[in-house]
């Protein structure tokens, strides 16, 4: 990368917002008045209810480079992109861009609903800096990429959300920008359109376009980006190789999750049933028997459920459900479903449930346990929402990590790669 032209540079770029609507309106009016009469407002300091959405971020991006932006929601990624495009101006610091920028921040945000797709192409292209003659030259390519057919002469208010996105993306990537600003829009649309988007972006990068790419998809960031800027609370936390920045990002997320787990514990003093048999504790144990709050994807796990029982309890059922943040259960079963009968229970003890490997990936799993009598009629006790963090590969964005092998085989006619599953 050494010696390339610097096309984008920010020096201590900062932007503040106000949490109070009334104060925000008053501050806006006061700042506008100062600008009109030529006075400088207090842009370097915070006023009541204000906060820094982006705080002193400095970065240089070279021609042809792809810089990824990653961070939690509210970290300042979209605000920084809007400052780079000039949609909002920084309250402090400086931003310099050499060349034309094309934003894919809010695709189609400049479209007028009453105008046709054809008319909106010319309007949007003009906003992005193209003359009518230049738009005439790329018009057919825009229409072909958007794949709207006869709908190009229909008002965009009748477009579906997918048609709207396709047209907005197509206009932005055909204005031949020097800097392309992309904010999560590559995750919208159907699979076929996403493939076209990625191929088009790759072509633009090969032609020397610079790209600023915001995404929560670890795989996309590691695959497309030369460097990644990790923003945390509006500040630059790490900027460097994708692996370095993404490791810092996922590490911070793990620490945040651990703090959540420490605060969110079950109330063991409450019995949720008849109480003839109660759950006294649940522990998650790693492969050497240590109690943990997090494991790595694919690692073995033992779930130890402590109990206290009245005399005479025969063959109780322990029902376990495992869920993640999405609706529905990942797994739910009782011991009897696996052919296990507990027989007569002692006054106290524990039940171990062993998993050969937990294949969740980057997930916060929630465990639910219920004790029943042998006929599944009397509910003795239940405990819910016991949490275990499964730390996956930071470069894998999937919610499940499958155990697989990759092997190349040579045939007489061609080479191909086969994916072989393993049990």
Protein backbone atom coordinates (compact mmCIF):
# COMPACT_ATOMS: atom_id res chain seq x y z
CA UNK A 1 0.00 0.00 0.00
CA UNK A 2 2.99 2.28 0.42
CA UNK A 3 3.21 5.17 -2.01
CA UNK A 4 -0.44 5.20 -3.10
CA UNK A 5 -2.38 8.43 -3.30
CA UNK A 6 -4.33 9.41 -0.20
CA UNK A 7 -7.91 9.99 -1.39
CA UNK A 8 -9.65 10.24 1.99
CA UNK A 9 -8.38 11.68 5.25
CA UNK A 10 -10.02 12.56 8.54
CA UNK A 11 -8.22 14.42 11.31
CA UNK A 12 -9.88 14.40 14.73
CA UNK A 13 -13.30 14.31 13.02
CA UNK A 14 -16.06 14.70 15.62
CA UNK A 15 -19.84 15.00 15.61
CA UNK A 16 -22.12 15.63 18.57
CA UNK A 17 -25.85 15.13 19.02
CA UNK A 18 -28.35 16.12 21.67
CA UNK A 19 -30.53 13.63 23.54
CA UNK A 20 -33.26 16.22 24.24
CA UNK A 21 -35.46 17.21 21.28
CA UNK A 22 -36.35 20.63 22.72
CA UNK A 23 -32.74 21.49 23.51
CA UNK A 24 -31.63 20.15 20.13
CA UNK A 25 -34.03 22.54 18.36
CA UNK A 26 -32.84 25.44 20.50
CA UNK A 27 -29.17 24.61 19.91
CA UNK A 28 -29.80 24.33 16.17
CA UNK A 29 -31.44 27.74 16.04
CA UNK A 30 -28.62 29.29 18.11
CA UNK A 31 -25.93 27.72 15.90
CA UNK A 32 -27.70 28.90 12.73
CA UNK A 33 -27.89 32.43 14.09
CA UNK A 34 -24.16 32.39 14.90
CA UNK A 35 -23.34 31.16 11.39
CA UNK A 36 -25.43 33.94 9.80
CA UNK A 37 -23.72 36.72 11.77
CA UNK A 38 -20.28 35.14 11.39
CA UNK A 39 -19.67 33.95 14.94
CA UNK A 40 -18.18 30.56 15.82
CA UNK A 41 -20.38 28.34 17.99
CA UNK A 42 -19.12 26.24 20.91
CA UNK A 43 -18.44 23.26 18.63
CA UNK A 44 -15.43 22.09 20.66
CA UNK A 45 -17.36 21.41 23.86
CA UNK A 46 -20.53 19.63 24.93
CA UNK A 47 -23.61 21.47 26.14
CA UNK A 48 -26.32 20.04 28.40
CA UNK A 49 -27.69 16.70 27.11
CA UNK A 50 -25.16 16.57 24.25
CA UNK A 51 -22.80 13.66 23.55
CA UNK A 52 -20.12 12.82 21.00
CA UNK A 53 -21.51 10.37 18.42
CA UNK A 54 -18.07 10.43 16.74
CA UNK A 55 -15.13 11.68 18.77
CA UNK A 56 -11.74 12.62 17.27
CA UNK A 57 -11.47 9.88 14.64
CA UNK A 58 -8.39 10.13 12.43
CA UNK A 59 -7.73 7.85 9.47
CA UNK A 60 -6.14 7.92 6.02
CA UNK A 61 -7.40 5.76 3.14
CA UNK A 62 -5.40 5.21 -0.04
CA UNK A 63 -6.67 4.86 -3.58
CA UNK A 64 -8.02 1.38 -4.25
CA UNK A 65 -8.09 0.47 -0.57
CA UNK A 66 -11.14 -1.00 1.18
CA UNK A 67 -11.55 0.16 4.78
CA UNK A 68 -14.10 -1.71 6.89
CA UNK A 69 -15.98 -0.11 9.77
CA UNK A 70 -17.19 -2.32 12.61
CA UNK A 71 -18.71 -1.63 16.00
CA UNK A 72 -21.81 -2.13 18.08
CA UNK A 73 -25.05 -0.34 17.22
CA UNK A 74 -24.66 3.32 18.15
CA UNK A 75 -20.86 3.24 17.89
CA UNK A 76 -20.86 6.04 15.29
CA UNK A 77 -20.36 4.12 12.02
CA UNK A 78 -23.25 5.61 10.06
CA UNK A 79 -22.57 9.09 11.45
CA UNK A 80 -18.97 8.89 10.24
CA UNK A 81 -20.13 7.78 6.77
CA UNK A 82 -22.58 10.66 6.55
CA UNK A 83 -19.81 13.11 7.45
CA UNK A 84 -17.58 11.59 4.77
CA UNK A 85 -20.28 12.15 2.16
CA UNK A 86 -21.06 15.67 3.36
CA UNK A 87 -24.62 14.93 4.45
CA UNK A 88 -23.67 16.34 7.85
CA UNK A 89 -20.63 18.39 8.73
CA UNK A 90 -18.24 17.70 11.61
CA UNK A 91 -18.45 19.87 14.72
CA UNK A 92 -14.71 19.49 15.20
CA UNK A 93 -11.80 18.30 13.10
CA UNK A 94 -11.33 18.08 9.34
CA UNK A 95 -12.32 15.75 6.49
CA UNK A 96 -10.71 15.79 3.03
CA UNK A 97 -11.78 13.66 0.05
CA UNK A 98 -10.22 13.84 -3.41
CA UNK A 99 -12.76 12.91 -6.06
CA UNK A 100 -16.42 11.99 -6.33
CA UNK A 101 -18.17 10.02 -3.58
CA UNK A 102 -21.17 7.76 -4.05
CA UNK A 103 -23.14 6.87 -0.92
CA UNK A 104 -24.87 3.55 -0.39
CA UNK A 105 -26.04 4.67 3.04
CA UNK A 106 -29.78 4.92 2.60
CA UNK A 107 -30.29 3.50 -0.88
CA UNK A 108 -32.88 5.44 -2.85
CA UNK A 109 -33.23 8.11 -0.15
CA UNK A 110 -33.20 10.82 -2.84
CA UNK A 111 -35.95 9.27 -4.97
CA UNK A 112 -39.18 11.20 -5.48
CA UNK A 113 -42.16 8.84 -5.19
CA UNK A 114 -44.19 10.63 -7.86
CA UNK A 115 -41.43 10.43 -10.49
CA UNK A 116 -40.81 7.37 -12.63
CA UNK A 117 -37.74 5.20 -12.30
CA UNK A 118 -36.35 6.78 -15.49
CA UNK A 119 -36.82 10.30 -14.13
CA UNK A 120 -35.36 9.39 -10.75
CA UNK A 121 -32.23 8.00 -12.42
CA UNK A 122 -31.49 11.40 -13.94
CA UNK A 123 -32.34 13.27 -10.73
CA UNK A 124 -30.27 10.96 -8.53
CA UNK A 125 -27.34 10.89 -10.93
CA UNK A 126 -27.35 14.72 -11.01
CA UNK A 127 -27.24 14.78 -7.20
CA UNK A 128 -24.22 12.47 -7.35
CA UNK A 129 -22.45 14.80 -9.80
CA UNK A 130 -23.23 13.49 -13.29
CA UNK A 131 -24.34 15.72 -16.15
CA UNK A 132 -27.26 14.71 -18.37
CA UNK A 133 -24.88 13.69 -21.13
CA UNK A 134 -22.89 11.51 -18.73
CA UNK A 135 -26.10 9.95 -17.41
CA UNK A 136 -27.23 9.22 -20.99
CA UNK A 137 -24.03 7.20 -21.48
CA UNK A 138 -24.64 4.94 -18.46
CA UNK A 139 -28.45 4.91 -18.50
CA UNK A 140 -28.82 1.56 -20.27
CA UNK A 141 -26.28 -0.05 -17.93
CA UNK A 142 -28.18 1.29 -14.90
CA UNK A 143 -31.50 -0.08 -16.15
CA UNK A 144 -29.97 -3.43 -17.11
CA UNK A 145 -28.31 -3.85 -13.69
CA UNK A 146 -31.49 -2.89 -11.80
CA UNK A 147 -33.47 -5.43 -13.87
CA UNK A 148 -36.71 -3.47 -13.65
CA UNK A 149 -37.99 -4.16 -17.17
CA UNK A 150 -41.12 -2.20 -18.10
CA UNK A 151 -41.38 -0.80 -14.56
CA UNK A 152 -38.66 1.73 -15.37
CA UNK A 153 -41.41 4.10 -16.59
CA UNK A 154 -43.67 3.55 -13.55
CA UNK A 155 -43.67 5.90 -10.54
CA UNK A 156 -41.34 4.54 -7.87
CA UNK A 157 -44.13 4.81 -5.27
CA UNK A 158 -45.44 1.58 -6.83
CA UNK A 159 -42.09 -0.20 -6.51
CA UNK A 160 -41.52 -2.99 -4.04
CA UNK A 161 -38.74 -2.51 -1.49
CA UNK A 162 -36.52 -4.85 -3.54
CA UNK A 163 -37.06 -2.86 -6.75
CA UNK A 164 -36.32 0.35 -4.86
CA UNK A 165 -33.03 -1.01 -3.53
CA UNK A 166 -31.97 -2.39 -6.91
CA UNK A 167 -32.50 0.94 -8.64
CA UNK A 168 -30.76 2.95 -5.92
CA UNK A 169 -27.76 0.63 -5.86
CA UNK A 170 -27.53 0.58 -9.64
CA UNK A 171 -27.42 4.38 -9.89
CA UNK A 172 -24.78 4.69 -7.15
CA UNK A 173 -22.37 2.14 -8.65
CA UNK A 174 -22.60 3.51 -12.21
CA UNK A 175 -21.60 7.12 -11.49
CA UNK A 176 -17.92 6.02 -11.55
CA UNK A 177 -17.12 7.22 -8.01
CA UNK A 178 -13.64 7.64 -6.60
CA UNK A 179 -14.93 6.72 -3.12
CA UNK A 180 -17.83 4.32 -2.52
CA UNK A 181 -19.51 4.51 0.91
CA UNK A 182 -21.41 1.33 1.76
CA UNK A 183 -23.55 0.97 4.90
CA UNK A 184 -24.98 -2.55 5.31
CA UNK A 185 -26.90 -2.38 2.01
CA UNK A 186 -25.14 -5.45 0.60
CA UNK A 187 -27.23 -7.56 2.99
CA UNK A 188 -30.53 -6.58 1.37
CA UNK A 189 -32.27 -7.99 -1.68
CA UNK A 190 -32.41 -11.57 -2.88
CA UNK A 191 -29.41 -13.87 -3.26
CA UNK A 192 -29.11 -13.23 -7.00
CA UNK A 193 -29.01 -9.46 -6.54
CA UNK A 194 -26.52 -9.71 -3.67
CA UNK A 195 -24.22 -11.69 -5.95
CA UNK A 196 -24.46 -8.98 -8.62
CA UNK A 197 -23.70 -6.32 -5.99
CA UNK A 198 -20.55 -8.06 -4.76
CA UNK A 199 -19.33 -8.66 -8.31
CA UNK A 200 -19.91 -5.02 -9.23
CA UNK A 201 -18.08 -3.80 -6.13
CA UNK A 202 -15.16 -6.10 -6.97
CA UNK A 203 -15.01 -4.62 -10.48
CA UNK A 204 -14.96 -1.09 -9.08
CA UNK A 205 -12.13 -1.95 -6.70
CA UNK A 206 -10.13 -3.49 -9.53
CA UNK A 207 -10.57 -0.22 -11.43
CA UNK A 208 -9.07 1.73 -8.51
CA UNK A 209 -12.16 2.85 -6.58
CA UNK A 210 -11.76 3.32 -2.84
CA UNK A 211 -14.38 1.76 -0.58
CA UNK A 212 -15.55 2.39 2.98
CA UNK A 213 -17.59 -0.63 4.03
CA UNK A 214 -19.80 -0.86 7.13
CA UNK A 215 -21.02 -4.31 8.09
CA UNK A 216 -21.71 -6.61 11.04
CA UNK A 217 -20.82 -9.60 8.86
CA UNK A 218 -17.39 -10.81 9.99
CA UNK A 219 -16.89 -12.90 6.86
CA UNK A 220 -17.55 -9.96 4.52
CA UNK A 221 -15.23 -7.67 6.47
CA UNK A 222 -12.37 -10.17 6.52
CA UNK A 223 -12.83 -11.06 2.83
CA UNK A 224 -13.24 -7.60 1.28
CA UNK A 225 -11.29 -5.23 3.50
CA UNK A 226 -7.60 -4.37 3.52
CA UNK A 227 -7.96 -2.77 6.95
CA UNK A 228 -10.75 -2.48 9.53
CA UNK A 229 -11.52 0.44 11.84
CA UNK A 230 -13.23 -0.67 15.04
CA UNK A 231 -15.31 2.14 16.56
CA UNK A 232 -16.39 1.96 20.18
CA UNK A 233 -18.50 4.69 21.78
CA UNK A 234 -17.67 7.01 18.90
CA UNK A 235 -13.90 6.61 19.23
CA UNK A 236 -11.30 4.70 17.27
CA UNK A 237 -10.60 1.56 19.33
CA UNK A 238 -8.40 -0.32 16.82
CA UNK A 239 -7.42 0.28 13.20
CA UNK A 240 -5.33 -2.34 11.45
CA UNK A 241 -5.43 -5.72 9.74
CA UNK A 242 -8.92 -7.26 9.64
CA UNK A 243 -7.96 -10.10 11.96
CA UNK A 244 -6.56 -7.72 14.58
CA UNK A 245 -9.53 -5.34 14.58
CA UNK A 246 -12.17 -8.09 14.47
CA UNK A 247 -10.46 -9.98 17.30
CA UNK A 248 -10.62 -6.81 19.43
CA UNK A 249 -14.29 -6.31 18.51
CA UNK A 250 -15.36 -9.88 19.30
CA UNK A 251 -13.24 -9.85 22.48
CA UNK A 252 -15.02 -6.74 23.74
CA UNK A 253 -18.37 -8.34 22.91
CA UNK A 254 -17.40 -11.41 24.93
CA UNK A 255 -16.51 -9.25 27.93
CA UNK A 256 -19.82 -7.40 27.65
CA UNK A 257 -21.67 -10.71 27.54
CA UNK A 258 -19.80 -11.98 30.59
CA UNK A 259 -20.89 -8.91 32.53
CA UNK A 260 -24.48 -9.52 31.42
CA UNK A 261 -24.24 -13.13 32.57
CA UNK A 262 -22.92 -12.04 35.96
CA UNK A 263 -25.90 -9.72 36.46
CA UNK A 264 -28.63 -12.00 35.09
CA UNK A 265 -28.86 -15.05 37.36
CA UNK A 266 -31.81 -17.22 38.30
CA UNK A 267 -33.66 -16.76 41.60
CA UNK A 268 -32.94 -20.07 43.34
CA UNK A 269 -35.00 -19.13 46.40
CA UNK A 270 -38.28 -19.48 44.46
CA UNK A 271 -39.90 -22.87 43.83
CA UNK A 272 -41.99 -23.01 40.66
CA UNK A 273 -44.14 -26.08 41.21
CA UNK A 274 -45.19 -28.50 43.92
CA UNK A 275 -41.66 -28.52 45.38
CA UNK A 276 -41.48 -32.28 46.03
CA UNK A 277 -38.31 -32.15 43.95
CA UNK A 278 -36.49 -28.87 43.33
CA UNK A 279 -33.58 -27.69 41.17
CA UNK A 280 -30.91 -26.34 43.52
CA UNK A 281 -28.36 -25.18 40.96
CA UNK A 282 -27.10 -25.47 37.40
CA UNK A 283 -23.42 -25.43 36.41
CA UNK A 284 -21.74 -25.44 32.99
CA UNK A 285 -18.51 -27.48 33.04
CA UNK A 286 -15.77 -27.59 30.43
CA UNK A 287 -13.82 -30.68 29.34
CA UNK A 288 -11.67 -30.66 32.51
CA UNK A 289 -14.59 -30.18 34.88
CA UNK A 290 -14.11 -26.44 35.52
CA UNK A 291 -17.21 -24.29 35.91
CA UNK A 292 -17.44 -21.75 33.08
CA UNK A 293 -19.80 -19.09 31.70
CA UNK A 294 -18.49 -19.40 28.12
CA UNK A 295 -17.03 -22.09 25.86
CA UNK A 296 -15.62 -22.23 22.35
CA UNK A 297 -17.74 -23.49 19.48
CA UNK A 298 -17.29 -27.25 19.05
CA UNK A 299 -16.00 -27.81 22.60
CA UNK A 300 -17.52 -30.54 24.82
CA UNK A 301 -19.86 -29.42 27.58
CA UNK A 302 -21.35 -30.93 30.72
CA UNK A 303 -24.47 -29.36 32.19
CA UNK A 304 -24.77 -30.28 35.88
CA UNK A 305 -28.26 -29.91 37.37
CA UNK A 306 -28.38 -30.12 41.17
CA UNK A 307 -31.54 -31.30 42.89
CA UNK A 308 -33.12 -31.91 46.30
CA UNK A 309 -35.89 -34.50 46.57
CA UNK A 310 -38.51 -35.88 48.96
CA UNK A 311 -38.31 -39.60 49.61
CA UNK A 312 -40.13 -41.90 47.26
CA UNK A 313 -39.71 -39.98 43.99
CA UNK A 314 -39.44 -42.58 41.24
CA UNK A 315 -38.24 -42.01 37.67
CA UNK A 316 -38.67 -38.23 37.41
CA UNK A 317 -38.32 -36.50 34.04
CA UNK A 318 -35.85 -33.69 33.48
CA UNK A 319 -36.94 -31.57 30.53
CA UNK A 320 -34.24 -29.36 28.99
CA UNK A 321 -34.73 -26.75 26.27
CA UNK A 322 -31.94 -24.75 24.62
CA UNK A 323 -32.65 -21.55 22.76
CA UNK A 324 -30.77 -18.66 21.25
CA UNK A 325 -31.90 -15.09 20.60
CA UNK A 326 -34.10 -16.11 17.67
CA UNK A 327 -37.66 -17.40 18.20
CA UNK A 328 -38.10 -21.14 18.76
CA UNK A 329 -36.06 -23.89 20.37
CA UNK A 330 -32.78 -25.22 19.08
CA UNK A 331 -33.13 -28.36 21.16
CA UNK A 332 -35.67 -29.80 23.59
CA UNK A 333 -35.86 -33.27 25.12
CA UNK A 334 -36.22 -35.23 28.35
CA UNK A 335 -33.95 -37.98 29.65
CA UNK A 336 -36.58 -40.55 28.60
CA UNK A 337 -36.30 -39.40 24.98
CA UNK A 338 -32.73 -40.71 25.12
CA UNK A 339 -33.73 -43.99 26.78
CA UNK A 340 -32.57 -43.00 30.28
CA UNK A 341 -34.60 -43.75 33.43
CA UNK A 342 -33.35 -42.29 36.74
CA UNK A 343 -35.05 -44.82 39.04
CA UNK A 344 -35.50 -43.90 42.72
CA UNK A 345 -33.96 -40.55 43.60
CA UNK A 346 -31.88 -39.89 46.69
CA UNK A 347 -32.52 -36.90 48.96
CA UNK A 348 -30.05 -34.76 47.02
CA UNK A 349 -27.57 -35.04 44.19
CA UNK A 350 -27.05 -33.91 40.62
CA UNK A 351 -27.81 -34.99 37.07
CA UNK A 352 -25.15 -34.56 34.36
CA UNK A 353 -26.03 -33.94 30.71
CA UNK A 354 -23.00 -34.29 28.43
CA UNK A 355 -22.63 -32.80 24.98
CA UNK A 356 -19.86 -34.20 22.78
CA UNK A 357 -19.54 -30.80 21.09
CA UNK A 358 -21.63 -27.63 21.08
CA UNK A 359 -21.81 -26.38 17.50
CA UNK A 360 -23.47 -23.03 18.11
CA UNK A 361 -21.29 -20.19 16.82
CA UNK A 362 -21.04 -16.73 18.36
CA UNK A 363 -24.30 -17.28 20.24
CA UNK A 364 -25.72 -16.60 23.68
CA UNK A 365 -27.59 -19.80 24.53
CA UNK A 366 -30.41 -19.89 27.08
CA UNK A 367 -31.15 -23.10 28.98
CA UNK A 368 -34.53 -23.98 30.50
CA UNK A 369 -35.02 -26.90 32.92
CA UNK A 370 -38.24 -28.45 34.26
CA UNK A 371 -38.64 -31.41 36.65
CA UNK A 372 -41.75 -33.57 36.23
CA UNK A 373 -43.06 -36.73 37.78
CA UNK A 374 -42.79 -39.99 35.82
CA UNK A 375 -46.18 -39.48 34.12
CA UNK A 376 -45.37 -35.92 33.01
CA UNK A 377 -48.34 -34.61 34.98
CA UNK A 378 -46.99 -33.11 38.19
CA UNK A 379 -44.53 -30.24 37.75
CA UNK A 380 -42.07 -30.27 40.61
CA UNK A 381 -39.97 -27.19 39.74
CA UNK A 382 -38.49 -25.19 36.85
CA UNK A 383 -35.67 -22.73 36.33
CA UNK A 384 -35.37 -20.59 33.22
CA UNK A 385 -33.06 -18.33 31.28
CA UNK A 386 -29.72 -19.78 32.42
CA UNK A 387 -27.17 -18.40 29.97
CA UNK A 388 -24.04 -19.77 28.35
CA UNK A 389 -21.96 -17.86 25.80
CA UNK A 390 -20.55 -19.88 22.89
CA UNK A 391 -17.56 -18.06 21.46
CA UNK A 392 -17.08 -18.97 17.81
CA UNK A 393 -14.56 -18.19 15.13
CA UNK A 394 -14.58 -14.36 14.68
CA UNK A 395 -14.15 -14.80 10.93
CA UNK A 396 -17.26 -16.99 10.64
CA UNK A 397 -20.58 -15.18 10.56
CA UNK A 398 -22.85 -18.23 10.73
CA UNK A 399 -24.92 -19.08 13.79
CA UNK A 400 -23.92 -22.76 13.60
CA UNK A 401 -20.38 -24.09 13.07
CA UNK A 402 -20.48 -27.36 11.14
CA UNK A 403 -17.61 -29.80 11.40
CA UNK A 404 -16.42 -30.26 7.83
CA UNK A 405 -13.35 -31.07 5.77
CA UNK A 406 -12.23 -29.45 2.49
CA UNK A 407 -10.52 -31.60 -0.11
CA UNK A 408 -9.47 -30.94 -3.69
CA UNK A 409 -9.76 -33.87 -6.07
CA UNK A 410 -8.32 -33.93 -9.58
CA UNK A 411 -10.30 -35.54 -12.36
CA UNK A 412 -9.28 -36.00 -15.96
CA UNK A 413 -11.65 -33.35 -17.26
CA UNK A 414 -11.60 -30.68 -14.57
CA UNK A 415 -10.68 -29.63 -11.06
CA UNK A 416 -13.34 -29.19 -8.43
CA UNK A 417 -13.65 -28.74 -4.68
CA UNK A 418 -15.92 -31.01 -2.67
CA UNK A 419 -17.29 -30.33 0.81
CA UNK A 420 -17.18 -33.49 2.87
CA UNK A 421 -19.23 -33.60 6.06
CA UNK A 422 -17.93 -35.47 9.07
CA UNK A 423 -19.92 -37.00 11.83
